[in-house]
């Protein structure tokens, strides 16, 4: 899985438009869903070695494995054993994601 990420990262980031997310901007960053009222819920980390970690700000725990699939320019899918989250955009340091046909914004987690 790590090799897949490394190859994808090298190929995808050569000439990425500013409005697109480069995988290196996404990996090893804590993310949290952002609503109009502010951040909600726990934070999630997708590590470069393919692990997912969740935190409540006090404790952290592993929640599985993931891999990134390139779909087309600016679009990726995060694949886990049970789920798929599509990254559909990047704006002002936040990512636009789609999960179960609903769109969300995820920004860097504030602890």
PDB file of N, CA and C in Angstrom:
ATOM      1  N   UNK A   1       0.821  -1.180   0.000  1.00  0.00           N
ATOM      2  CA  UNK A   1       0.000   0.000   0.000  1.00  0.00           C
ATOM      3  C   UNK A   1       0.872   1.254   0.000  1.00  0.00           C
ATOM      4  N   UNK A   2       1.948   1.281   0.785  1.00  0.00           N
ATOM      5  CA  UNK A   2       2.816   2.447   0.842  1.00  0.00           C
ATOM      6  C   UNK A   2       3.430   2.734  -0.520  1.00  0.00           C
ATOM      7  N   UNK A   3       3.813   1.689  -1.236  1.00  0.00           N
ATOM      8  CA  UNK A   3       4.405   1.882  -2.557  1.00  0.00           C
ATOM      9  C   UNK A   3       3.398   2.533  -3.502  1.00  0.00           C
ATOM     10  N   UNK A   4       2.136   2.104  -3.429  1.00  0.00           N
ATOM     11  CA  UNK A   4       1.092   2.698  -4.260  1.00  0.00           C
ATOM     12  C   UNK A   4       0.994   4.188  -3.980  1.00  0.00           C
ATOM     13  N   UNK A   5       1.017   4.575  -2.729  1.00  0.00           N
ATOM     14  CA  UNK A   5       0.933   5.984  -2.366  1.00  0.00           C
ATOM     15  C   UNK A   5       2.133   6.753  -2.912  1.00  0.00           C
ATOM     16  N   UNK A   6       3.324   6.195  -2.765  1.00  0.00           N
ATOM     17  CA  UNK A   6       4.537   6.859  -3.223  1.00  0.00           C
ATOM     18  C   UNK A   6       4.503   7.095  -4.731  1.00  0.00           C
ATOM     19  N   UNK A   7       4.104   6.101  -5.497  1.00  0.00           N
ATOM     20  CA  UNK A   7       4.013   6.235  -6.953  1.00  0.00           C
ATOM     21  C   UNK A   7       2.949   7.276  -7.315  1.00  0.00           C
ATOM     22  N   UNK A   8       1.814   7.215  -6.657  1.00  0.00           N
ATOM     23  CA  UNK A   8       0.733   8.159  -6.912  1.00  0.00           C
ATOM     24  C   UNK A   8       1.182   9.575  -6.596  1.00  0.00           C
ATOM     25  N   UNK A   9       1.848   9.760  -5.481  1.00  0.00           N
ATOM     26  CA  UNK A   9       2.305  11.080  -5.079  1.00  0.00           C
ATOM     27  C   UNK A   9       3.275  11.653  -6.100  1.00  0.00           C
ATOM     28  N   UNK A  10       4.210  10.864  -6.536  1.00  0.00           N
ATOM     29  CA  UNK A  10       5.199  11.333  -7.503  1.00  0.00           C
ATOM     30  C   UNK A  10       4.541  11.718  -8.824  1.00  0.00           C
ATOM     31  N   UNK A  11       3.575  10.946  -9.265  1.00  0.00           N
ATOM     32  CA  UNK A  11       2.929  11.198 -10.549  1.00  0.00           C
ATOM     33  C   UNK A  11       1.921  12.341 -10.475  1.00  0.00           C
ATOM     34  N   UNK A  12       1.222  12.467  -9.361  1.00  0.00           N
ATOM     35  CA  UNK A  12       0.102  13.398  -9.278  1.00  0.00           C
ATOM     36  C   UNK A  12       0.508  14.832  -8.975  1.00  0.00           C
ATOM     37  N   UNK A  13       1.680  15.072  -8.439  1.00  0.00           N
ATOM     38  CA  UNK A  13       2.023  16.403  -7.948  1.00  0.00           C
ATOM     39  C   UNK A  13       2.960  17.188  -8.840  1.00  0.00           C
ATOM     40  N   UNK A  14       3.207  16.726 -10.032  1.00  0.00           N
ATOM     41  CA  UNK A  14       4.157  17.420 -10.905  1.00  0.00           C
ATOM     42  C   UNK A  14       3.656  18.794 -11.309  1.00  0.00           C
ATOM     43  N   UNK A  15       2.412  18.906 -11.707  1.00  0.00           N
ATOM     44  CA  UNK A  15       1.878  20.210 -12.112  1.00  0.00           C
ATOM     45  C   UNK A  15       0.421  20.319 -11.678  1.00  0.00           C
ATOM     46  N   UNK A  16       0.226  20.349 -10.379  1.00  0.00           N
ATOM     47  CA  UNK A  16      -1.120  20.398  -9.818  1.00  0.00           C
ATOM     48  C   UNK A  16      -1.605  21.844  -9.771  1.00  0.00           C
ATOM     49  N   UNK A  17      -2.788  22.138 -10.341  1.00  0.00           N
ATOM     50  CA  UNK A  17      -3.331  23.493 -10.249  1.00  0.00           C
ATOM     51  C   UNK A  17      -3.560  23.887  -8.784  1.00  0.00           C
ATOM     52  N   UNK A  18      -3.504  25.170  -8.509  1.00  0.00           N
ATOM     53  CA  UNK A  18      -3.630  25.681  -7.154  1.00  0.00           C
ATOM     54  C   UNK A  18      -4.926  25.242  -6.468  1.00  0.00           C
ATOM     55  N   UNK A  19      -6.011  25.106  -7.225  1.00  0.00           N
ATOM     56  CA  UNK A  19      -7.295  24.739  -6.616  1.00  0.00           C
ATOM     57  C   UNK A  19      -7.422  23.240  -6.374  1.00  0.00           C
ATOM     58  N   UNK A  20      -6.397  22.478  -6.711  1.00  0.00           N
ATOM     59  CA  UNK A  20      -6.417  21.033  -6.518  1.00  0.00           C
ATOM     60  C   UNK A  20      -5.608  20.638  -5.296  1.00  0.00           C
ATOM     61  N   UNK A  21      -6.011  19.581  -4.704  1.00  0.00           N
ATOM     62  CA  UNK A  21      -5.287  19.013  -3.578  1.00  0.00           C
ATOM     63  C   UNK A  21      -4.231  18.059  -4.097  1.00  0.00           C
ATOM     64  N   UNK A  22      -3.021  18.228  -3.652  1.00  0.00           N
ATOM     65  CA  UNK A  22      -1.955  17.278  -3.937  1.00  0.00           C
ATOM     66  C   UNK A  22      -1.953  16.284  -2.781  1.00  0.00           C
ATOM     67  N   UNK A  23      -1.808  15.001  -3.034  1.00  0.00           N
ATOM     68  CA  UNK A  23      -1.843  14.035  -1.926  1.00  0.00           C
ATOM     69  C   UNK A  23      -0.897  14.373  -0.779  1.00  0.00           C
ATOM     70  N   UNK A  24       0.249  14.975  -1.076  1.00  0.00           N
ATOM     71  CA  UNK A  24       1.163  15.318   0.021  1.00  0.00           C
ATOM     72  C   UNK A  24       0.580  16.395   0.938  1.00  0.00           C
ATOM     73  N   UNK A  25      -0.414  17.165   0.471  1.00  0.00           N
ATOM     74  CA  UNK A  25      -1.088  18.155   1.312  1.00  0.00           C
ATOM     75  C   UNK A  25      -2.130  17.520   2.227  1.00  0.00           C
ATOM     76  N   UNK A  26      -2.543  16.326   1.904  1.00  0.00           N
ATOM     77  CA  UNK A  26      -3.614  15.645   2.613  1.00  0.00           C
ATOM     78  C   UNK A  26      -3.098  14.672   3.672  1.00  0.00           C
ATOM     79  N   UNK A  27      -2.016  13.987   3.361  1.00  0.00           N
ATOM     80  CA  UNK A  27      -1.477  12.935   4.208  1.00  0.00           C
ATOM     81  C   UNK A  27      -0.726  13.530   5.397  1.00  0.00           C
ATOM     82  N   UNK A  28      -0.834  12.848   6.532  1.00  0.00           N
ATOM     83  CA  UNK A  28      -0.167  13.239   7.776  1.00  0.00           C
ATOM     84  C   UNK A  28      -0.626  14.599   8.294  1.00  0.00           C
ATOM     85  N   UNK A  29      -1.893  14.915   8.035  1.00  0.00           N
ATOM     86  CA  UNK A  29      -2.546  16.113   8.558  1.00  0.00           C
ATOM     87  C   UNK A  29      -3.815  15.648   9.269  1.00  0.00           C
ATOM     88  N   UNK A  30      -4.084  16.206  10.431  1.00  0.00           N
ATOM     89  CA  UNK A  30      -5.324  15.883  11.142  1.00  0.00           C
ATOM     90  C   UNK A  30      -6.472  16.660  10.513  1.00  0.00           C
ATOM     91  N   UNK A  31      -7.578  15.970  10.153  1.00  0.00           N
ATOM     92  CA  UNK A  31      -8.735  16.581   9.494  1.00  0.00           C
ATOM     93  C   UNK A  31      -9.974  16.444  10.363  1.00  0.00           C
ATOM     94  N   UNK A  32     -10.847  17.447  10.262  1.00  0.00           N
ATOM     95  CA  UNK A  32     -12.102  17.458  11.011  1.00  0.00           C
ATOM     96  C   UNK A  32     -13.194  18.062  10.136  1.00  0.00           C
ATOM     97  N   UNK A  33     -14.393  17.499  10.225  1.00  0.00           N
ATOM     98  CA  UNK A  33     -15.529  18.029   9.464  1.00  0.00           C
ATOM     99  C   UNK A  33     -15.857  19.431   9.975  1.00  0.00           C
ATOM    100  N   UNK A  34     -16.112  20.322   9.043  1.00  0.00           N
ATOM    101  CA  UNK A  34     -16.406  21.718   9.357  1.00  0.00           C
ATOM    102  C   UNK A  34     -17.816  22.033   8.870  1.00  0.00           C
ATOM    103  N   UNK A  35     -18.651  22.532   9.764  1.00  0.00           N
ATOM    104  CA  UNK A  35     -19.991  22.996   9.402  1.00  0.00           C
ATOM    105  C   UNK A  35     -20.016  24.519   9.530  1.00  0.00           C
ATOM    106  N   UNK A  36     -21.102  25.145   9.137  1.00  0.00           N
ATOM    107  CA  UNK A  36     -21.180  26.606   9.219  1.00  0.00           C
ATOM    108  C   UNK A  36     -21.027  27.092  10.658  1.00  0.00           C
ATOM    109  N   UNK A  37     -21.369  26.240  11.620  1.00  0.00           N
ATOM    110  CA  UNK A  37     -21.250  26.606  13.032  1.00  0.00           C
ATOM    111  C   UNK A  37     -19.851  26.352  13.590  1.00  0.00           C
ATOM    112  N   UNK A  38     -18.985  25.717  12.806  1.00  0.00           N
ATOM    113  CA  UNK A  38     -17.623  25.431  13.249  1.00  0.00           C
ATOM    114  C   UNK A  38     -17.296  23.953  13.147  1.00  0.00           C
ATOM    115  N   UNK A  39     -16.124  23.550  13.654  1.00  0.00           N
ATOM    116  CA  UNK A  39     -15.711  22.141  13.563  1.00  0.00           C
ATOM    117  C   UNK A  39     -16.575  21.239  14.442  1.00  0.00           C
ATOM    118  N   UNK A  40     -16.822  20.020  13.966  1.00  0.00           N
ATOM    119  CA  UNK A  40     -17.628  19.061  14.732  1.00  0.00           C
ATOM    120  C   UNK A  40     -16.956  17.693  14.734  1.00  0.00           C
ATOM    121  N   UNK A  41     -17.136  16.965  15.805  1.00  0.00           N
ATOM    122  CA  UNK A  41     -16.684  15.578  15.883  1.00  0.00           C
ATOM    123  C   UNK A  41     -15.193  15.422  16.100  1.00  0.00           C
ATOM    124  N   UNK A  42     -14.762  14.183  15.981  1.00  0.00           N
ATOM    125  CA  UNK A  42     -13.365  13.821  16.174  1.00  0.00           C
ATOM    126  C   UNK A  42     -12.524  14.203  14.968  1.00  0.00           C
ATOM    127  N   UNK A  43     -11.211  14.075  15.125  1.00  0.00           N
ATOM    128  CA  UNK A  43     -10.266  14.375  14.061  1.00  0.00           C
ATOM    129  C   UNK A  43      -9.679  13.071  13.536  1.00  0.00           C
ATOM    130  N   UNK A  44      -9.279  13.087  12.256  1.00  0.00           N
ATOM    131  CA  UNK A  44      -8.785  11.884  11.587  1.00  0.00           C
ATOM    132  C   UNK A  44      -7.467  12.170  10.890  1.00  0.00           C
ATOM    133  N   UNK A  45      -6.567  11.199  10.968  1.00  0.00           N
ATOM    134  CA  UNK A  45      -5.251  11.287  10.355  1.00  0.00           C
ATOM    135  C   UNK A  45      -5.075  10.121   9.397  1.00  0.00           C
ATOM    136  N   UNK A  46      -4.618  10.408   8.190  1.00  0.00           N
ATOM    137  CA  UNK A  46      -4.303   9.382   7.200  1.00  0.00           C
ATOM    138  C   UNK A  46      -2.789   9.415   7.037  1.00  0.00           C
ATOM    139  N   UNK A  47      -2.099   8.417   7.569  1.00  0.00           N
ATOM    140  CA  UNK A  47      -0.638   8.430   7.574  1.00  0.00           C
ATOM    141  C   UNK A  47      -0.078   7.953   6.239  1.00  0.00           C
ATOM    142  N   UNK A  48       1.149   8.353   5.955  1.00  0.00           N
ATOM    143  CA  UNK A  48       1.807   7.979   4.706  1.00  0.00           C
ATOM    144  C   UNK A  48       2.033   6.478   4.594  1.00  0.00           C
ATOM    145  N   UNK A  49       2.056   5.780   5.722  1.00  0.00           N
ATOM    146  CA  UNK A  49       2.249   4.329   5.661  1.00  0.00           C
ATOM    147  C   UNK A  49       0.930   3.558   5.590  1.00  0.00           C
ATOM    148  N   UNK A  50      -0.198   4.266   5.354  1.00  0.00           N
ATOM    149  CA  UNK A  50      -1.466   3.600   5.114  1.00  0.00           C
ATOM    150  C   UNK A  50      -2.333   3.325   6.323  1.00  0.00           C
ATOM    151  N   UNK A  51      -2.036   3.937   7.460  1.00  0.00           N
ATOM    152  CA  UNK A  51      -2.867   3.755   8.653  1.00  0.00           C
ATOM    153  C   UNK A  51      -3.788   4.950   8.848  1.00  0.00           C
ATOM    154  N   UNK A  52      -4.965   4.684   9.426  1.00  0.00           N
ATOM    155  CA  UNK A  52      -5.900   5.745   9.809  1.00  0.00           C
ATOM    156  C   UNK A  52      -5.925   5.803  11.325  1.00  0.00           C
ATOM    157  N   UNK A  53      -5.933   7.020  11.846  1.00  0.00           N
ATOM    158  CA  UNK A  53      -5.953   7.234  13.288  1.00  0.00           C
ATOM    159  C   UNK A  53      -7.052   8.247  13.593  1.00  0.00           C
ATOM    160  N   UNK A  54      -7.763   8.023  14.687  1.00  0.00           N
ATOM    161  CA  UNK A  54      -8.816   8.936  15.132  1.00  0.00           C
ATOM    162  C   UNK A  54      -8.427   9.482  16.500  1.00  0.00           C
ATOM    163  N   UNK A  55      -8.790  10.735  16.757  1.00  0.00           N
ATOM    164  CA  UNK A  55      -8.535  11.312  18.072  1.00  0.00           C
ATOM    165  C   UNK A  55      -9.720  12.151  18.519  1.00  0.00           C
ATOM    166  N   UNK A  56      -9.911  12.190  19.816  1.00  0.00           N
ATOM    167  CA  UNK A  56     -10.914  13.077  20.392  1.00  0.00           C
ATOM    168  C   UNK A  56     -10.250  14.318  20.990  1.00  0.00           C
ATOM    169  N   UNK A  57      -8.946  14.472  20.729  1.00  0.00           N
ATOM    170  CA  UNK A  57      -8.185  15.589  21.259  1.00  0.00           C
ATOM    171  C   UNK A  57      -7.442  15.241  22.530  1.00  0.00           C
ATOM    172  N   UNK A  58      -7.826  14.123  23.139  1.00  0.00           N
ATOM    173  CA  UNK A  58      -7.164  13.666  24.360  1.00  0.00           C
ATOM    174  C   UNK A  58      -6.464  12.337  24.104  1.00  0.00           C
ATOM    175  N   UNK A  59      -7.203  11.413  23.551  1.00  0.00           N
ATOM    176  CA  UNK A  59      -6.661  10.093  23.223  1.00  0.00           C
ATOM    177  C   UNK A  59      -6.746   9.866  21.721  1.00  0.00           C
ATOM    178  N   UNK A  60      -5.816   9.045  21.209  1.00  0.00           N
ATOM    179  CA  UNK A  60      -5.817   8.657  19.791  1.00  0.00           C
ATOM    180  C   UNK A  60      -5.807   7.151  19.690  1.00  0.00           C
ATOM    181  N   UNK A  61      -6.437   6.613  18.624  1.00  0.00           N
ATOM    182  CA  UNK A  61      -6.485   5.173  18.441  1.00  0.00           C
ATOM    183  C   UNK A  61      -6.520   4.842  16.956  1.00  0.00           C
ATOM    184  N   UNK A  62      -5.899   3.724  16.571  1.00  0.00           N
ATOM    185  CA  UNK A  62      -5.925   3.306  15.156  1.00  0.00           C
ATOM    186  C   UNK A  62      -7.328   2.821  14.789  1.00  0.00           C
ATOM    187  N   UNK A  63      -7.739   3.140  13.559  1.00  0.00           N
ATOM    188  CA  UNK A  63      -9.070   2.697  13.117  1.00  0.00           C
ATOM    189  C   UNK A  63      -9.038   1.915  11.814  1.00  0.00           C
ATOM    190  N   UNK A  64      -7.855   1.629  11.293  1.00  0.00           N
ATOM    191  CA  UNK A  64      -7.804   0.805  10.091  1.00  0.00           C
ATOM    192  C   UNK A  64      -6.713   1.223   9.125  1.00  0.00           C
ATOM    193  N   UNK A  65      -6.855   0.726   7.910  1.00  0.00           N
ATOM    194  CA  UNK A  65      -5.912   0.979   6.823  1.00  0.00           C
ATOM    195  C   UNK A  65      -6.638   1.754   5.726  1.00  0.00           C
ATOM    196  N   UNK A  66      -5.872   2.449   4.911  1.00  0.00           N
ATOM    197  CA  UNK A  66      -6.454   3.201   3.807  1.00  0.00           C
ATOM    198  C   UNK A  66      -5.478   3.212   2.637  1.00  0.00           C
ATOM    199  N   UNK A  67      -6.007   3.517   1.471  1.00  0.00           N
ATOM    200  CA  UNK A  67      -5.164   3.797   0.321  1.00  0.00           C
ATOM    201  C   UNK A  67      -5.850   4.860  -0.520  1.00  0.00           C
ATOM    202  N   UNK A  68      -5.069   5.550  -1.313  1.00  0.00           N
ATOM    203  CA  UNK A  68      -5.568   6.642  -2.124  1.00  0.00           C
ATOM    204  C   UNK A  68      -5.609   6.209  -3.576  1.00  0.00           C
ATOM    205  N   UNK A  69      -6.721   6.468  -4.215  1.00  0.00           N
ATOM    206  CA  UNK A  69      -6.880   6.118  -5.619  1.00  0.00           C
ATOM    207  C   UNK A  69      -7.075   7.410  -6.418  1.00  0.00           C
ATOM    208  N   UNK A  70      -6.256   7.592  -7.441  1.00  0.00           N
ATOM    209  CA  UNK A  70      -6.380   8.742  -8.325  1.00  0.00           C
ATOM    210  C   UNK A  70      -7.537   8.496  -9.280  1.00  0.00           C
ATOM    211  N   UNK A  71      -8.454   9.456  -9.394  1.00  0.00           N
ATOM    212  CA  UNK A  71      -9.585   9.309 -10.303  1.00  0.00           C
ATOM    213  C   UNK A  71      -9.348  10.141 -11.562  1.00  0.00           C
ATOM    214  N   UNK A  72      -9.114  11.416 -11.372  1.00  0.00           N
ATOM    215  CA  UNK A  72      -8.786  12.346 -12.457  1.00  0.00           C
ATOM    216  C   UNK A  72      -8.246  13.606 -11.785  1.00  0.00           C
ATOM    217  N   UNK A  73      -7.798  14.544 -12.579  1.00  0.00           N
ATOM    218  CA  UNK A  73      -7.212  15.750 -12.006  1.00  0.00           C
ATOM    219  C   UNK A  73      -8.102  16.328 -10.903  1.00  0.00           C
ATOM    220  N   UNK A  74      -7.507  16.546  -9.754  1.00  0.00           N
ATOM    221  CA  UNK A  74      -8.167  17.132  -8.577  1.00  0.00           C
ATOM    222  C   UNK A  74      -9.084  16.167  -7.831  1.00  0.00           C
ATOM    223  N   UNK A  75      -9.275  14.961  -8.289  1.00  0.00           N
ATOM    224  CA  UNK A  75     -10.194  14.041  -7.627  1.00  0.00           C
ATOM    225  C   UNK A  75      -9.512  12.736  -7.244  1.00  0.00           C
ATOM    226  N   UNK A  76      -9.690  12.359  -5.981  1.00  0.00           N
ATOM    227  CA  UNK A  76      -9.132  11.124  -5.439  1.00  0.00           C
ATOM    228  C   UNK A  76     -10.204  10.434  -4.621  1.00  0.00           C
ATOM    229  N   UNK A  77     -10.010   9.160  -4.372  1.00  0.00           N
ATOM    230  CA  UNK A  77     -10.861   8.418  -3.449  1.00  0.00           C
ATOM    231  C   UNK A  77      -9.998   7.829  -2.354  1.00  0.00           C
ATOM    232  N   UNK A  78     -10.465   7.982  -1.124  1.00  0.00           N
ATOM    233  CA  UNK A  78      -9.846   7.318   0.017  1.00  0.00           C
ATOM    234  C   UNK A  78     -10.594   6.000   0.172  1.00  0.00           C
ATOM    235  N   UNK A  79      -9.873   4.905   0.032  1.00  0.00           N
ATOM    236  CA  UNK A  79     -10.487   3.584   0.120  1.00  0.00           C
ATOM    237  C   UNK A  79     -10.073   2.909   1.422  1.00  0.00           C
ATOM    238  N   UNK A  80     -11.058   2.400   2.151  1.00  0.00           N
ATOM    239  CA  UNK A  80     -10.805   1.620   3.356  1.00  0.00           C
ATOM    240  C   UNK A  80     -11.425   0.246   3.147  1.00  0.00           C
ATOM    241  N   UNK A  81     -11.331  -0.601   4.154  1.00  0.00           N
ATOM    242  CA  UNK A  81     -11.938  -1.933   4.038  1.00  0.00           C
ATOM    243  C   UNK A  81     -13.436  -1.854   3.809  1.00  0.00           C
ATOM    244  N   UNK A  82     -14.092  -0.873   4.429  1.00  0.00           N
ATOM    245  CA  UNK A  82     -15.551  -0.808   4.406  1.00  0.00           C
ATOM    246  C   UNK A  82     -16.139   0.407   3.708  1.00  0.00           C
ATOM    247  N   UNK A  83     -15.305   1.340   3.269  1.00  0.00           N
ATOM    248  CA  UNK A  83     -15.874   2.610   2.853  1.00  0.00           C
ATOM    249  C   UNK A  83     -15.071   3.267   1.731  1.00  0.00           C
ATOM    250  N   UNK A  84     -15.659   4.306   1.174  1.00  0.00           N
ATOM    251  CA  UNK A  84     -15.007   5.133   0.173  1.00  0.00           C
ATOM    252  C   UNK A  84     -15.415   6.576   0.422  1.00  0.00           C
ATOM    253  N   UNK A  85     -14.422   7.456   0.480  1.00  0.00           N
ATOM    254  CA  UNK A  85     -14.650   8.888   0.631  1.00  0.00           C
ATOM    255  C   UNK A  85     -13.982   9.549  -0.563  1.00  0.00           C
ATOM    256  N   UNK A  86     -14.729  10.330  -1.312  1.00  0.00           N
ATOM    257  CA  UNK A  86     -14.180  10.990  -2.487  1.00  0.00           C
ATOM    258  C   UNK A  86     -13.743  12.406  -2.143  1.00  0.00           C
ATOM    259  N   UNK A  87     -12.520  12.752  -2.515  1.00  0.00           N
ATOM    260  CA  UNK A  87     -12.016  14.115  -2.385  1.00  0.00           C
ATOM    261  C   UNK A  87     -12.336  14.805  -3.699  1.00  0.00           C
ATOM    262  N   UNK A  88     -13.201  15.819  -3.638  1.00  0.00           N
ATOM    263  CA  UNK A  88     -13.696  16.430  -4.869  1.00  0.00           C
ATOM    264  C   UNK A  88     -13.217  17.865  -5.071  1.00  0.00           C
ATOM    265  N   UNK A  89     -12.451  18.396  -4.117  1.00  0.00           N
ATOM    266  CA  UNK A  89     -11.948  19.752  -4.288  1.00  0.00           C
ATOM    267  C   UNK A  89     -11.097  20.195  -3.120  1.00  0.00           C
ATOM    268  N   UNK A  90     -10.471  21.334  -3.300  1.00  0.00           N
ATOM    269  CA  UNK A  90      -9.567  21.895  -2.298  1.00  0.00           C
ATOM    270  C   UNK A  90      -9.718  23.406  -2.361  1.00  0.00           C
ATOM    271  N   UNK A  91      -9.980  24.044  -1.205  1.00  0.00           N
ATOM    272  CA  UNK A  91     -10.199  25.483  -1.203  1.00  0.00           C
ATOM    273  C   UNK A  91      -9.760  26.065   0.129  1.00  0.00           C
ATOM    274  N   UNK A  92      -8.849  27.005   0.080  1.00  0.00           N
ATOM    275  CA  UNK A  92      -8.391  27.722   1.267  1.00  0.00           C
ATOM    276  C   UNK A  92      -7.947  26.782   2.388  1.00  0.00           C
ATOM    277  N   UNK A  93      -7.213  25.734   2.042  1.00  0.00           N
ATOM    278  CA  UNK A  93      -6.681  24.818   3.034  1.00  0.00           C
ATOM    279  C   UNK A  93      -7.647  23.757   3.511  1.00  0.00           C
ATOM    280  N   UNK A  94      -8.863  23.765   3.020  1.00  0.00           N
ATOM    281  CA  UNK A  94      -9.867  22.763   3.390  1.00  0.00           C
ATOM    282  C   UNK A  94     -10.148  21.879   2.178  1.00  0.00           C
ATOM    283  N   UNK A  95     -10.586  20.664   2.434  1.00  0.00           N
ATOM    284  CA  UNK A  95     -10.927  19.768   1.339  1.00  0.00           C
ATOM    285  C   UNK A  95     -12.434  19.565   1.280  1.00  0.00           C
ATOM    286  N   UNK A  96     -12.921  19.454   0.080  1.00  0.00           N
ATOM    287  CA  UNK A  96     -14.333  19.129  -0.149  1.00  0.00           C
ATOM    288  C   UNK A  96     -14.393  17.625  -0.362  1.00  0.00           C
ATOM    289  N   UNK A  97     -15.232  16.954   0.391  1.00  0.00           N
ATOM    290  CA  UNK A  97     -15.349  15.510   0.272  1.00  0.00           C
ATOM    291  C   UNK A  97     -16.795  15.117   0.035  1.00  0.00           C
ATOM    292  N   UNK A  98     -16.961  13.932  -0.534  1.00  0.00           N
ATOM    293  CA  UNK A  98     -18.291  13.365  -0.737  1.00  0.00           C
ATOM    294  C   UNK A  98     -18.301  11.984  -0.116  1.00  0.00           C
ATOM    295  N   UNK A  99     -19.325  11.735   0.715  1.00  0.00           N
ATOM    296  CA  UNK A  99     -19.480  10.444   1.364  1.00  0.00           C
ATOM    297  C   UNK A  99     -20.962  10.112   1.429  1.00  0.00           C
ATOM    298  N   UNK A 100     -21.333   8.945   0.968  1.00  0.00           N
ATOM    299  CA  UNK A 100     -22.741   8.525   0.931  1.00  0.00           C
ATOM    300  C   UNK A 100     -23.620   9.570   0.250  1.00  0.00           C
ATOM    301  N   UNK A 101     -23.156  10.093  -0.883  1.00  0.00           N
ATOM    302  CA  UNK A 101     -23.887  11.062  -1.714  1.00  0.00           C
ATOM    303  C   UNK A 101     -24.124  12.410  -1.024  1.00  0.00           C
ATOM    304  N   UNK A 102     -23.384  12.713   0.042  1.00  0.00           N
ATOM    305  CA  UNK A 102     -23.484  14.004   0.713  1.00  0.00           C
ATOM    306  C   UNK A 102     -22.115  14.677   0.662  1.00  0.00           C
ATOM    307  N   UNK A 103     -22.125  15.995   0.481  1.00  0.00           N
ATOM    308  CA  UNK A 103     -20.875  16.747   0.431  1.00  0.00           C
ATOM    309  C   UNK A 103     -20.576  17.371   1.787  1.00  0.00           C
ATOM    310  N   UNK A 104     -19.292  17.353   2.153  1.00  0.00           N
ATOM    311  CA  UNK A 104     -18.823  17.915   3.400  1.00  0.00           C
ATOM    312  C   UNK A 104     -17.548  18.706   3.136  1.00  0.00           C
ATOM    313  N   UNK A 105     -17.188  19.547   4.102  1.00  0.00           N
ATOM    314  CA  UNK A 105     -15.905  20.224   4.089  1.00  0.00           C
ATOM    315  C   UNK A 105     -15.122  19.722   5.291  1.00  0.00           C
ATOM    316  N   UNK A 106     -13.859  19.416   5.066  1.00  0.00           N
ATOM    317  CA  UNK A 106     -12.969  19.004   6.158  1.00  0.00           C
ATOM    318  C   UNK A 106     -11.790  19.963   6.167  1.00  0.00           C
ATOM    319  N   UNK A 107     -11.468  20.476   7.344  1.00  0.00           N
ATOM    320  CA  UNK A 107     -10.347  21.406   7.494  1.00  0.00           C
ATOM    321  C   UNK A 107      -9.376  20.834   8.515  1.00  0.00           C
ATOM    322  N   UNK A 108      -8.196  21.446   8.586  1.00  0.00           N
ATOM    323  CA  UNK A 108      -7.242  20.973   9.573  1.00  0.00           C
ATOM    324  C   UNK A 108      -7.845  21.071  10.959  1.00  0.00           C
ATOM    325  N   UNK A 109      -7.613  20.029  11.727  1.00  0.00           N
ATOM    326  CA  UNK A 109      -8.179  19.927  13.069  1.00  0.00           C
ATOM    327  C   UNK A 109      -7.533  20.951  13.993  1.00  0.00           C
ATOM    328  N   UNK A 110      -8.347  21.546  14.837  1.00  0.00           N
ATOM    329  CA  UNK A 110      -7.859  22.479  15.852  1.00  0.00           C
ATOM    330  C   UNK A 110      -8.028  21.786  17.206  1.00  0.00           C
ATOM    331  N   UNK A 111      -6.914  21.530  17.842  1.00  0.00           N
ATOM    332  CA  UNK A 111      -6.964  20.822  19.144  1.00  0.00           C
ATOM    333  C   UNK A 111      -7.114  21.789  20.268  1.00  0.00           C
TER     334      UNK A 111
END
